[in-house]
Amino acid sequence: NAPLIYENTTPISDKAAPASPADFI
C-alpha cells in the first residue's frame, strides 16, 4: 500500500460543502 498521507480519507469532501462545522465533522 501507500504511506498514510496518500490514502487516509479525511472529512474533506470535494463534492459538497458542509452546512455547518458540526455537519463537517
PDB file of all heavy atoms in Angstrom:
ATOM      1  N   ASN A   1       0.832  -1.200   0.000  1.00  0.00           N
ATOM      2  CA  ASN A   1       0.000   0.000   0.000  1.00  0.00           C
ATOM      3  C   ASN A   1       0.867   1.250   0.000  1.00  0.00           C
ATOM      4  O   ASN A   1       2.095   1.195  -0.006  1.00  0.00           O
ATOM      5  CB  ASN A   1      -0.967  -0.006   1.181  1.00  0.00           C
ATOM      6  CG  ASN A   1      -0.234  -0.063   2.520  1.00  0.00           C
ATOM      7  OD1 ASN A   1       0.991  -0.129   2.585  1.00  0.00           O
ATOM      8  ND2 ASN A   1      -0.996  -0.039   3.596  1.00  0.00           N
ATOM      9  N   ALA A   2       0.217   2.415   0.043  1.00  0.00           N
ATOM     10  CA  ALA A   2       0.896   3.707   0.054  1.00  0.00           C
ATOM     11  C   ALA A   2       1.059   4.200   1.486  1.00  0.00           C
ATOM     12  O   ALA A   2       0.377   3.728   2.403  1.00  0.00           O
ATOM     13  CB  ALA A   2       0.090   4.722  -0.758  1.00  0.00           C
ATOM     14  N   PRO A   3       1.947   5.163   1.717  1.00  0.00           N
ATOM     15  CA  PRO A   3       2.002   5.795   3.036  1.00  0.00           C
ATOM     16  C   PRO A   3       0.659   6.420   3.400  1.00  0.00           C
ATOM     17  O   PRO A   3      -0.163   6.729   2.529  1.00  0.00           O
ATOM     18  CB  PRO A   3       3.091   6.863   2.866  1.00  0.00           C
ATOM     19  CG  PRO A   3       3.948   6.367   1.744  1.00  0.00           C
ATOM     20  CD  PRO A   3       2.999   5.675   0.808  1.00  0.00           C
ATOM     21  N   LEU A   4       0.446   6.613   4.683  1.00  0.00           N
ATOM     22  CA  LEU A   4      -0.850   7.068   5.202  1.00  0.00           C
ATOM     23  C   LEU A   4      -1.315   8.372   4.563  1.00  0.00           C
ATOM     24  O   LEU A   4      -2.498   8.534   4.234  1.00  0.00           O
ATOM     25  CB  LEU A   4      -0.744   7.236   6.726  1.00  0.00           C
ATOM     26  CG  LEU A   4      -2.050   7.396   7.507  1.00  0.00           C
ATOM     27  CD1 LEU A   4      -2.863   6.132   7.458  1.00  0.00           C
ATOM     28  CD2 LEU A   4      -1.747   7.785   8.948  1.00  0.00           C
ATOM     29  N   ILE A   5      -0.405   9.325   4.345  1.00  0.00           N
ATOM     30  CA  ILE A   5      -0.762  10.629   3.817  1.00  0.00           C
ATOM     31  C   ILE A   5      -1.401  10.516   2.433  1.00  0.00           C
ATOM     32  O   ILE A   5      -2.212  11.346   2.033  1.00  0.00           O
ATOM     33  CB  ILE A   5       0.482  11.546   3.776  1.00  0.00           C
ATOM     34  CG1 ILE A   5       0.117  12.974   3.313  1.00  0.00           C
ATOM     35  CG2 ILE A   5       1.552  10.975   2.862  1.00  0.00           C
ATOM     36  CD1 ILE A   5      -0.687  13.740   4.279  1.00  0.00           C
ATOM     37  N   TYR A   6      -1.080   9.447   1.680  1.00  0.00           N
ATOM     38  CA  TYR A   6      -1.564   9.265   0.320  1.00  0.00           C
ATOM     39  C   TYR A   6      -2.864   8.459   0.239  1.00  0.00           C
ATOM     40  O   TYR A   6      -3.389   8.291  -0.867  1.00  0.00           O
ATOM     41  CB  TYR A   6      -0.504   8.562  -0.531  1.00  0.00           C
ATOM     42  CG  TYR A   6       0.755   9.373  -0.753  1.00  0.00           C
ATOM     43  CD1 TYR A   6       1.816   9.295   0.146  1.00  0.00           C
ATOM     44  CD2 TYR A   6       0.878  10.206  -1.848  1.00  0.00           C
ATOM     45  CE1 TYR A   6       2.978  10.037  -0.049  1.00  0.00           C
ATOM     46  CE2 TYR A   6       2.033  10.946  -2.062  1.00  0.00           C
ATOM     47  CZ  TYR A   6       3.080  10.860  -1.154  1.00  0.00           C
ATOM     48  OH  TYR A   6       4.240  11.596  -1.352  1.00  0.00           O
ATOM     49  N   GLU A   7      -3.375   7.967   1.370  1.00  0.00           N
ATOM     50  CA  GLU A   7      -4.555   7.116   1.272  1.00  0.00           C
ATOM     51  C   GLU A   7      -5.521   7.213   2.447  1.00  0.00           C
ATOM     52  O   GLU A   7      -6.565   6.563   2.425  1.00  0.00           O
ATOM     53  CB  GLU A   7      -4.136   5.652   1.090  1.00  0.00           C
ATOM     54  CG  GLU A   7      -3.374   5.042   2.264  1.00  0.00           C
ATOM     55  CD  GLU A   7      -3.159   3.552   2.093  1.00  0.00           C
ATOM     56  OE1 GLU A   7      -3.105   3.090   0.945  1.00  0.00           O
ATOM     57  OE2 GLU A   7      -3.051   2.854   3.121  1.00  0.00           O
ATOM     58  N   ASN A   8      -5.237   8.032   3.437  1.00  0.00           N
ATOM     59  CA  ASN A   8      -6.163   8.151   4.564  1.00  0.00           C
ATOM     60  C   ASN A   8      -7.202   9.218   4.266  1.00  0.00           C
ATOM     61  O   ASN A   8      -6.898  10.405   4.163  1.00  0.00           O
ATOM     62  CB  ASN A   8      -5.405   8.520   5.847  1.00  0.00           C
ATOM     63  CG  ASN A   8      -6.349   8.659   7.027  1.00  0.00           C
ATOM     64  OD1 ASN A   8      -7.177   7.780   7.280  1.00  0.00           O
ATOM     65  ND2 ASN A   8      -6.240   9.762   7.748  1.00  0.00           N
ATOM     66  N   THR A   9      -8.468   8.799   4.115  1.00  0.00           N
ATOM     67  CA  THR A   9      -9.529   9.759   3.828  1.00  0.00           C
ATOM     68  C   THR A   9      -9.836  10.593   5.068  1.00  0.00           C
ATOM     69  O   THR A   9      -9.826  10.100   6.195  1.00  0.00           O
ATOM     70  CB  THR A   9     -10.806   9.046   3.357  1.00  0.00           C
ATOM     71  OG1 THR A   9     -11.150   8.007   4.277  1.00  0.00           O
ATOM     72  CG2 THR A   9     -10.603   8.451   1.970  1.00  0.00           C
ATOM     73  N   THR A  10     -10.107  11.867   4.839  1.00  0.00           N
ATOM     74  CA  THR A  10     -10.390  12.835   5.895  1.00  0.00           C
ATOM     75  C   THR A  10     -11.831  13.340   5.738  1.00  0.00           C
ATOM     76  O   THR A  10     -12.505  12.997   4.767  1.00  0.00           O
ATOM     77  CB  THR A  10      -9.419  14.025   5.789  1.00  0.00           C
ATOM     78  OG1 THR A  10      -9.778  14.809   4.639  1.00  0.00           O
ATOM     79  CG2 THR A  10      -7.970  13.555   5.660  1.00  0.00           C
ATOM     80  N   PRO A  11     -12.345  14.177   6.651  1.00  0.00           N
ATOM     81  CA  PRO A  11     -13.684  14.750   6.472  1.00  0.00           C
ATOM     82  C   PRO A  11     -13.810  15.729   5.296  1.00  0.00           C
ATOM     83  O   PRO A  11     -14.891  16.262   5.057  1.00  0.00           O
ATOM     84  CB  PRO A  11     -13.937  15.458   7.806  1.00  0.00           C
ATOM     85  CG  PRO A  11     -13.114  14.701   8.800  1.00  0.00           C
ATOM     86  CD  PRO A  11     -11.874  14.341   8.045  1.00  0.00           C
ATOM     87  N   ILE A  12     -12.725  15.976   4.576  1.00  0.00           N
ATOM     88  CA  ILE A  12     -12.787  16.833   3.391  1.00  0.00           C
ATOM     89  C   ILE A  12     -13.515  16.099   2.271  1.00  0.00           C
ATOM     90  O   ILE A  12     -13.165  14.972   1.924  1.00  0.00           O
ATOM     91  CB  ILE A  12     -11.372  17.234   2.929  1.00  0.00           C
ATOM     92  CG1 ILE A  12     -10.697  18.102   3.976  1.00  0.00           C
ATOM     93  CG2 ILE A  12     -11.419  17.915   1.573  1.00  0.00           C
ATOM     94  CD1 ILE A  12     -11.380  19.443   4.198  1.00  0.00           C
ATOM     95  N   SER A  13     -14.524  16.762   1.698  1.00  0.00           N
ATOM     96  CA  SER A  13     -15.236  16.231   0.539  1.00  0.00           C
ATOM     97  C   SER A  13     -15.159  17.238  -0.596  1.00  0.00           C
ATOM     98  O   SER A  13     -15.420  18.427  -0.393  1.00  0.00           O
ATOM     99  CB  SER A  13     -16.705  15.946   0.870  1.00  0.00           C
ATOM    100  OG  SER A  13     -17.411  15.577  -0.304  1.00  0.00           O
ATOM    101  N   ASP A  14     -14.792  16.766  -1.790  1.00  0.00           N
ATOM    102  CA  ASP A  14     -14.707  17.662  -2.943  1.00  0.00           C
ATOM    103  C   ASP A  14     -16.022  17.764  -3.704  1.00  0.00           C
ATOM    104  O   ASP A  14     -16.104  18.479  -4.703  1.00  0.00           O
ATOM    105  CB  ASP A  14     -13.596  17.200  -3.889  1.00  0.00           C
ATOM    106  CG  ASP A  14     -13.798  15.764  -4.380  1.00  0.00           C
ATOM    107  OD1 ASP A  14     -14.773  15.120  -3.956  1.00  0.00           O
ATOM    108  OD2 ASP A  14     -12.969  15.288  -5.168  1.00  0.00           O
ATOM    109  N   LYS A  15     -17.064  17.076  -3.235  1.00  0.00           N
ATOM    110  CA  LYS A  15     -18.340  17.049  -3.967  1.00  0.00           C
ATOM    111  C   LYS A  15     -19.406  17.962  -3.383  1.00  0.00           C
ATOM    112  O   LYS A  15     -20.360  18.309  -4.077  1.00  0.00           O
ATOM    113  CB  LYS A  15     -18.867  15.618  -4.018  1.00  0.00           C
ATOM    114  CG  LYS A  15     -17.987  14.675  -4.831  1.00  0.00           C
ATOM    115  CD  LYS A  15     -18.612  13.304  -4.942  1.00  0.00           C
ATOM    116  CE  LYS A  15     -17.795  12.404  -5.854  1.00  0.00           C
ATOM    117  NZ  LYS A  15     -18.423  11.072  -6.030  1.00  0.00           N
ATOM    118  N   ALA A  16     -19.285  18.348  -2.109  1.00  0.00           N
ATOM    119  CA  ALA A  16     -20.290  19.207  -1.482  1.00  0.00           C
ATOM    120  C   ALA A  16     -19.685  19.901  -0.273  1.00  0.00           C
ATOM    121  O   ALA A  16     -18.897  19.301   0.472  1.00  0.00           O
ATOM    122  CB  ALA A  16     -21.519  18.401  -1.065  1.00  0.00           C
ATOM    123  N   ALA A  17     -20.053  21.155  -0.085  1.00  0.00           N
ATOM    124  CA  ALA A  17     -19.597  21.906   1.081  1.00  0.00           C
ATOM    125  C   ALA A  17     -20.448  21.560   2.300  1.00  0.00           C
ATOM    126  O   ALA A  17     -21.635  21.260   2.173  1.00  0.00           O
ATOM    127  CB  ALA A  17     -19.679  23.404   0.797  1.00  0.00           C
ATOM    128  N   PRO A  18     -19.875  21.600   3.499  1.00  0.00           N
ATOM    129  CA  PRO A  18     -20.667  21.316   4.700  1.00  0.00           C
ATOM    130  C   PRO A  18     -21.627  22.450   5.010  1.00  0.00           C
ATOM    131  O   PRO A  18     -21.386  23.614   4.683  1.00  0.00           O
ATOM    132  CB  PRO A  18     -19.602  21.175   5.792  1.00  0.00           C
ATOM    133  CG  PRO A  18     -18.457  22.011   5.309  1.00  0.00           C
ATOM    134  CD  PRO A  18     -18.452  21.867   3.809  1.00  0.00           C
ATOM    135  N   ALA A  19     -22.739  22.105   5.663  1.00  0.00           N
ATOM    136  CA  ALA A  19     -23.734  23.112   6.030  1.00  0.00           C
ATOM    137  C   ALA A  19     -23.334  23.886   7.277  1.00  0.00           C
ATOM    138  O   ALA A  19     -23.806  25.005   7.493  1.00  0.00           O
ATOM    139  CB  ALA A  19     -25.090  22.447   6.252  1.00  0.00           C
ATOM    140  N   SER A  20     -22.468  23.290   8.108  1.00  0.00           N
ATOM    141  CA  SER A  20     -22.047  23.910   9.355  1.00  0.00           C
ATOM    142  C   SER A  20     -20.805  23.175   9.851  1.00  0.00           C
ATOM    143  O   SER A  20     -20.473  22.097   9.347  1.00  0.00           O
ATOM    144  CB  SER A  20     -23.155  23.811  10.409  1.00  0.00           C
ATOM    145  OG  SER A  20     -23.372  22.449  10.758  1.00  0.00           O
ATOM    146  N   PRO A  21     -20.083  23.710  10.854  1.00  0.00           N
ATOM    147  CA  PRO A  21     -18.953  22.971  11.417  1.00  0.00           C
ATOM    148  C   PRO A  21     -19.350  21.595  11.954  1.00  0.00           C
ATOM    149  O   PRO A  21     -18.608  20.625  11.785  1.00  0.00           O
ATOM    150  CB  PRO A  21     -18.465  23.891  12.536  1.00  0.00           C
ATOM    151  CG  PRO A  21     -18.848  25.262  12.092  1.00  0.00           C
ATOM    152  CD  PRO A  21     -20.176  25.081  11.393  1.00  0.00           C
ATOM    153  N   ALA A  22     -20.513  21.500  12.604  1.00  0.00           N
ATOM    154  CA  ALA A  22     -20.956  20.205  13.128  1.00  0.00           C
ATOM    155  C   ALA A  22     -21.215  19.215  11.995  1.00  0.00           C
ATOM    156  O   ALA A  22     -20.864  18.034  12.090  1.00  0.00           O
ATOM    157  CB  ALA A  22     -22.211  20.391  13.968  1.00  0.00           C
ATOM    158  N   ASP A  23     -21.808  19.702  10.921  1.00  0.00           N
ATOM    159  CA  ASP A  23     -22.053  18.850   9.760  1.00  0.00           C
ATOM    160  C   ASP A  23     -20.736  18.389   9.147  1.00  0.00           C
ATOM    161  O   ASP A  23     -20.617  17.239   8.695  1.00  0.00           O
ATOM    162  CB  ASP A  23     -22.880  19.607   8.732  1.00  0.00           C
ATOM    163  CG  ASP A  23     -23.089  18.813   7.453  1.00  0.00           C
ATOM    164  OD1 ASP A  23     -23.525  17.649   7.554  1.00  0.00           O
ATOM    165  OD2 ASP A  23     -22.812  19.342   6.358  1.00  0.00           O
ATOM    166  N   PHE A  24     -19.748  19.266   9.132  1.00  0.00           N
ATOM    167  CA  PHE A  24     -18.429  18.949   8.590  1.00  0.00           C
ATOM    168  C   PHE A  24     -17.826  17.730   9.286  1.00  0.00           C
ATOM    169  O   PHE A  24     -17.251  16.843   8.646  1.00  0.00           O
ATOM    170  CB  PHE A  24     -17.522  20.174   8.759  1.00  0.00           C
ATOM    171  CG  PHE A  24     -16.101  19.963   8.322  1.00  0.00           C
ATOM    172  CD1 PHE A  24     -15.790  19.519   7.043  1.00  0.00           C
ATOM    173  CD2 PHE A  24     -15.050  20.230   9.197  1.00  0.00           C
ATOM    174  CE1 PHE A  24     -14.476  19.345   6.637  1.00  0.00           C
ATOM    175  CE2 PHE A  24     -13.738  20.064   8.812  1.00  0.00           C
ATOM    176  CZ  PHE A  24     -13.448  19.615   7.529  1.00  0.00           C
ATOM    177  N   ILE A  25     -17.969  17.648  10.592  1.00  0.00           N
ATOM    178  CA  ILE A  25     -17.392  16.550  11.358  1.00  0.00           C
ATOM    179  C   ILE A  25     -18.276  15.306  11.310  1.00  0.00           C
ATOM    180  O   ILE A  25     -17.800  14.193  11.074  1.00  0.00           O
ATOM    181  CB  ILE A  25     -17.156  16.984  12.817  1.00  0.00           C
ATOM    182  CG1 ILE A  25     -16.143  18.138  12.857  1.00  0.00           C
ATOM    183  CG2 ILE A  25     -16.670  15.814  13.660  1.00  0.00           C
ATOM    184  CD1 ILE A  25     -15.976  18.750  14.228  1.00  0.00           C
TER     185      ILE A  25
END
